[in-house]
Amino acid sequence: MIEPEPLDTVLAELRACRICRDAPLYPPPLPHEPRPVIQAAATARLCIAGQAPGTRVHASGRPFTDPSGVRLRSWLGIDESVFYDASKVAIVPMGHCFPGLDAKGGDKPPRRECAPTWRRRVFAALPRIELVLAIGRYAQGWHLGADNAASLSGTVASWREILARPTHPRILPLPHPSWRNNAWLRRNPWFEAELVPVLRAEVARLLA
C-alpha cells in the first residue's frame, strides 16, 4: 500500500499549479494569472466542497469572502473564527482558481483540469475528514458519482438517504449559497426547515 503524501507537499504543489494557464488540457487557457485557493489541515474533520472561487475570492485569496460565505456560515451555525480555522474545517473547491466570466457575466464552470489533477491527492492527505458538504452540481457529481440525481433539486431532496449511506466520509448535498439560488430556496422551504437543523447539529458534533 502506498503511503499518502504529506499534506504540506500536496498543498505546496497545488498552490504553485499553472496547468490551466500554461498547459491547458481543455483550451482556451485561463485568461488571468492563477491563484489557487484552498484551506486544509490534516486534523480537519469537516470538508466544504464548493465549486470554484469567484471574483472576490480570487482577489482575497481566501475562500467564501463574499455574500455566499455569509449565508453558508449561517447555514452551518458557525462564525468566521471557526469557519477559517483550517485545523477544523477544510475548504476544497472543485476548481481551485477563478475560472473567469462567461458572456452573461456569470462565473464559468470550474476548470476541468483541476479536480482530476488534485482532488484524490488532497483527500488522501486528509485522513480525518468525516463529512463532506457537497455544494452544487459539480461537487455532487464528483463525490456521489453514479448515485447523483439528474438535477440539483433531486439530489438535495435525497439528502437523508445520502447522509445515511455507510460511506467514509459521509456526504451531505447542499445548494450553492449564492444569491442566484434565492428563488430555489423560496420554492423549497423544507431546506431551511428540515435540512439546515440537521446540518448544524452535524457541524457542532464534528467541531466540538
Protein backbone atom coordinates (compact mmCIF):
# COMPACT_ATOMS: atom_id res chain seq x y z
CA MET A 1 0.00 0.00 0.00
CA ILE A 2 1.38 3.38 -1.00
CA GLU A 3 1.70 5.85 1.86
CA PRO A 4 -0.27 9.07 1.30
CA GLU A 5 1.80 12.16 0.61
CA PRO A 6 2.27 14.72 3.38
CA LEU A 7 -0.43 17.37 3.11
CA ASP A 8 2.17 20.17 3.13
CA THR A 9 3.76 18.69 0.00
CA VAL A 10 0.43 18.47 -1.83
CA LEU A 11 -0.59 21.99 -0.83
CA ALA A 12 2.75 23.49 -1.89
CA GLU A 13 2.46 21.90 -5.34
CA LEU A 14 -1.20 22.83 -5.69
CA ARG A 15 -0.59 26.47 -4.78
CA ALA A 16 2.14 26.63 -7.44
CA CYS A 17 -0.05 24.97 -10.10
CA ARG A 18 -0.30 26.66 -13.52
CA ILE A 19 -1.68 23.82 -15.64
CA CYS A 20 -4.80 25.66 -16.82
CA ARG A 21 -2.72 28.72 -17.74
CA ASP A 22 0.46 27.25 -19.21
CA ALA A 23 -0.54 23.76 -20.38
CA PRO A 24 -4.33 23.61 -20.56
CA LEU A 25 -5.87 20.25 -21.39
CA TYR A 26 -9.11 22.00 -22.35
CA PRO A 27 -8.38 25.26 -24.22
CA PRO A 28 -8.62 28.17 -24.09
CA PRO A 29 -6.12 28.77 -21.27
CA LEU A 30 -7.09 30.54 -18.09
CA PRO A 31 -7.31 34.23 -19.09
CA HIS A 32 -5.53 35.55 -15.98
CA GLU A 33 -2.80 34.61 -13.52
CA PRO A 34 -3.72 31.52 -11.46
CA ARG A 35 -4.32 32.00 -7.75
CA PRO A 36 -5.24 28.59 -6.32
CA VAL A 37 -7.43 28.78 -3.23
CA ILE A 38 -7.68 26.03 -0.64
CA GLN A 39 -7.93 25.69 3.14
CA ALA A 40 -6.82 22.42 4.70
CA ALA A 41 -5.06 20.80 7.65
CA ALA A 42 -4.62 17.11 8.39
CA THR A 43 -6.72 17.40 11.58
CA ALA A 44 -9.87 18.72 9.85
CA ARG A 45 -12.99 16.55 10.25
CA LEU A 46 -15.36 18.66 8.14
CA CYS A 47 -14.82 19.45 4.46
CA ILE A 48 -16.67 22.03 2.40
CA ALA A 49 -16.55 21.03 -1.27
CA GLY A 50 -17.64 24.01 -3.32
CA GLN A 51 -17.46 25.00 -6.97
CA ALA A 52 -14.63 27.46 -7.70
CA PRO A 53 -13.52 30.88 -6.46
CA GLY A 54 -15.42 33.92 -7.70
CA THR A 55 -14.01 37.37 -8.36
CA ARG A 56 -13.94 38.42 -4.70
CA VAL A 57 -12.26 35.22 -3.57
CA HIS A 58 -9.75 35.50 -6.41
CA ALA A 59 -8.88 38.97 -5.11
CA SER A 60 -8.69 37.95 -1.44
CA GLY A 61 -7.13 34.51 -1.84
CA ARG A 62 -9.44 33.28 0.93
CA PRO A 63 -12.47 31.04 0.32
CA PHE A 64 -16.02 32.37 0.64
CA THR A 65 -15.09 36.01 1.33
CA ASP A 66 -18.34 37.10 -0.32
CA PRO A 67 -22.09 37.20 0.46
CA SER A 68 -22.41 33.48 -0.27
CA GLY A 69 -19.96 32.86 2.56
CA VAL A 70 -22.16 34.83 4.96
CA ARG A 71 -25.15 32.66 4.06
CA LEU A 72 -23.12 29.44 4.22
CA ARG A 73 -21.81 30.25 7.71
CA SER A 74 -25.41 30.96 8.76
CA TRP A 75 -26.47 27.53 7.49
CA LEU A 76 -23.57 25.91 9.36
CA GLY A 77 -24.22 27.86 12.56
CA ILE A 78 -20.59 28.98 12.95
CA ASP A 79 -18.76 32.29 12.84
CA GLU A 80 -15.73 33.34 10.80
CA SER A 81 -13.23 32.37 13.50
CA VAL A 82 -14.36 28.74 13.33
CA PHE A 83 -15.04 28.70 9.59
CA TYR A 84 -11.48 29.84 8.81
CA ASP A 85 -9.82 27.52 11.32
CA ALA A 86 -8.10 25.09 8.95
CA SER A 87 -7.47 22.65 11.80
CA LYS A 88 -11.23 22.11 11.96
CA VAL A 89 -12.66 22.97 8.53
CA ALA A 90 -11.16 22.06 5.16
CA ILE A 91 -12.42 24.01 2.14
CA VAL A 92 -11.60 22.14 -1.08
CA PRO A 93 -13.36 23.51 -4.19
CA MET A 94 -13.77 21.54 -7.41
CA GLY A 95 -11.68 24.16 -9.18
CA HIS A 96 -9.03 25.99 -7.15
CA CYS A 97 -8.69 29.05 -9.41
CA PHE A 98 -11.26 31.61 -10.53
CA PRO A 99 -12.29 30.27 -13.96
CA GLY A 100 -13.29 33.64 -15.45
CA LEU A 101 -16.64 35.06 -16.51
CA ASP A 102 -18.95 33.91 -19.28
CA ALA A 103 -20.66 36.14 -21.84
CA LYS A 104 -23.53 36.87 -19.42
CA GLY A 105 -21.23 37.92 -16.60
CA GLY A 106 -21.61 34.75 -14.57
CA ASP A 107 -18.76 32.55 -13.37
CA LYS A 108 -17.61 29.89 -15.81
CA PRO A 109 -17.62 26.26 -14.62
CA PRO A 110 -14.57 25.01 -12.69
CA ARG A 111 -11.62 24.25 -14.96
CA ARG A 112 -11.77 20.59 -15.97
CA GLU A 113 -8.03 20.09 -15.40
CA CYS A 114 -8.29 20.78 -11.69
CA ALA A 115 -10.27 18.00 -9.99
CA PRO A 116 -8.61 15.05 -11.80
CA THR A 117 -5.17 16.52 -11.04
CA TRP A 118 -5.59 17.40 -7.37
CA ARG A 119 -8.70 16.02 -5.72
CA ARG A 120 -7.62 12.48 -4.90
CA ARG A 121 -4.20 13.64 -3.72
CA VAL A 122 -5.74 16.24 -1.40
CA PHE A 123 -8.29 13.88 0.12
CA ALA A 124 -5.70 11.13 0.57
CA ALA A 125 -3.78 13.60 2.74
CA LEU A 126 -6.91 14.47 4.79
CA PRO A 127 -7.50 11.18 6.64
CA ARG A 128 -9.72 12.57 9.39
CA ILE A 129 -12.47 14.03 7.18
CA GLU A 130 -15.79 12.55 8.34
CA LEU A 131 -18.31 14.68 6.45
CA VAL A 132 -18.13 16.36 3.05
CA LEU A 133 -20.64 19.12 2.29
CA ALA A 134 -21.06 18.81 -1.49
CA ILE A 135 -22.17 22.25 -2.60
CA GLY A 136 -23.65 22.48 -6.10
CA ARG A 137 -23.80 20.17 -9.09
CA TYR A 138 -20.07 19.87 -9.79
CA ALA A 139 -19.17 18.75 -6.27
CA GLN A 140 -22.18 16.46 -6.09
CA GLY A 141 -21.29 14.85 -9.40
CA TRP A 142 -17.75 14.12 -8.25
CA HIS A 143 -18.49 12.93 -4.71
CA LEU A 144 -21.69 11.00 -5.45
CA GLY A 145 -20.78 9.66 -8.88
CA ALA A 146 -23.45 7.39 -10.34
CA ASP A 147 -25.63 7.97 -7.26
CA ASN A 148 -26.07 11.64 -8.18
CA ALA A 149 -29.58 12.58 -9.31
CA ALA A 150 -30.32 14.22 -12.64
CA SER A 151 -30.92 17.61 -11.02
CA LEU A 152 -29.63 19.56 -8.04
CA SER A 153 -33.14 19.61 -6.59
CA GLY A 154 -33.38 15.84 -6.87
CA THR A 155 -30.01 15.32 -5.22
CA VAL A 156 -30.60 17.72 -2.33
CA ALA A 157 -34.12 16.33 -1.81
CA SER A 158 -32.48 12.92 -1.25
CA TRP A 159 -30.22 14.27 1.47
CA ARG A 160 -31.47 11.95 4.23
CA GLU A 161 -30.76 8.83 2.17
CA ILE A 162 -27.38 10.16 1.02
CA LEU A 163 -26.28 11.15 4.54
CA ALA A 164 -27.31 7.75 5.93
CA ARG A 165 -25.17 5.77 3.47
CA PRO A 166 -22.32 3.81 5.10
CA THR A 167 -19.61 5.67 3.20
CA HIS A 168 -16.47 7.28 4.53
CA PRO A 169 -16.54 10.17 4.54
CA ARG A 170 -20.29 10.70 4.57
CA ILE A 171 -21.72 13.16 2.05
CA LEU A 172 -24.37 15.84 2.55
CA PRO A 173 -25.52 17.66 -0.62
CA LEU A 174 -26.33 21.36 -0.45
CA PRO A 175 -27.38 24.03 -2.95
CA HIS A 176 -24.91 26.82 -3.54
CA PRO A 177 -25.48 29.66 -1.02
CA SER A 178 -25.27 32.26 -3.81
CA TRP A 179 -28.00 34.90 -4.18
CA ARG A 180 -28.65 33.30 -7.57
CA ASN A 181 -30.35 30.49 -5.67
CA ASN A 182 -32.78 32.73 -3.77
CA ALA A 183 -35.67 31.56 -5.98
CA TRP A 184 -34.74 27.91 -5.35
CA LEU A 185 -34.73 28.49 -1.60
CA ARG A 186 -38.16 30.13 -1.76
CA ARG A 187 -39.54 27.17 -3.74
CA ASN A 188 -38.03 24.67 -1.33
CA PRO A 189 -38.74 25.90 2.22
CA TRP A 190 -38.08 22.38 3.55
CA PHE A 191 -34.36 23.01 3.01
CA GLU A 192 -34.04 25.56 5.82
CA ALA A 193 -36.79 23.96 7.93
CA GLU A 194 -35.56 20.35 7.79
CA LEU A 195 -32.04 20.03 6.37
CA VAL A 196 -30.34 23.05 7.97
CA PRO A 197 -31.06 21.98 11.60
CA VAL A 198 -29.51 18.55 10.87
CA LEU A 199 -26.56 20.25 9.16
CA ARG A 200 -25.95 22.47 12.19
CA ALA A 201 -26.11 19.51 14.55
CA GLU A 202 -23.60 17.55 12.45
CA VAL A 203 -21.24 20.53 12.26
CA ALA A 204 -21.47 21.15 16.00
CA ARG A 205 -20.66 17.50 16.69
CA LEU A 206 -17.65 17.45 14.38
CA LEU A 207 -16.22 20.73 15.63
CA ALA A 208 -16.79 20.07 19.33
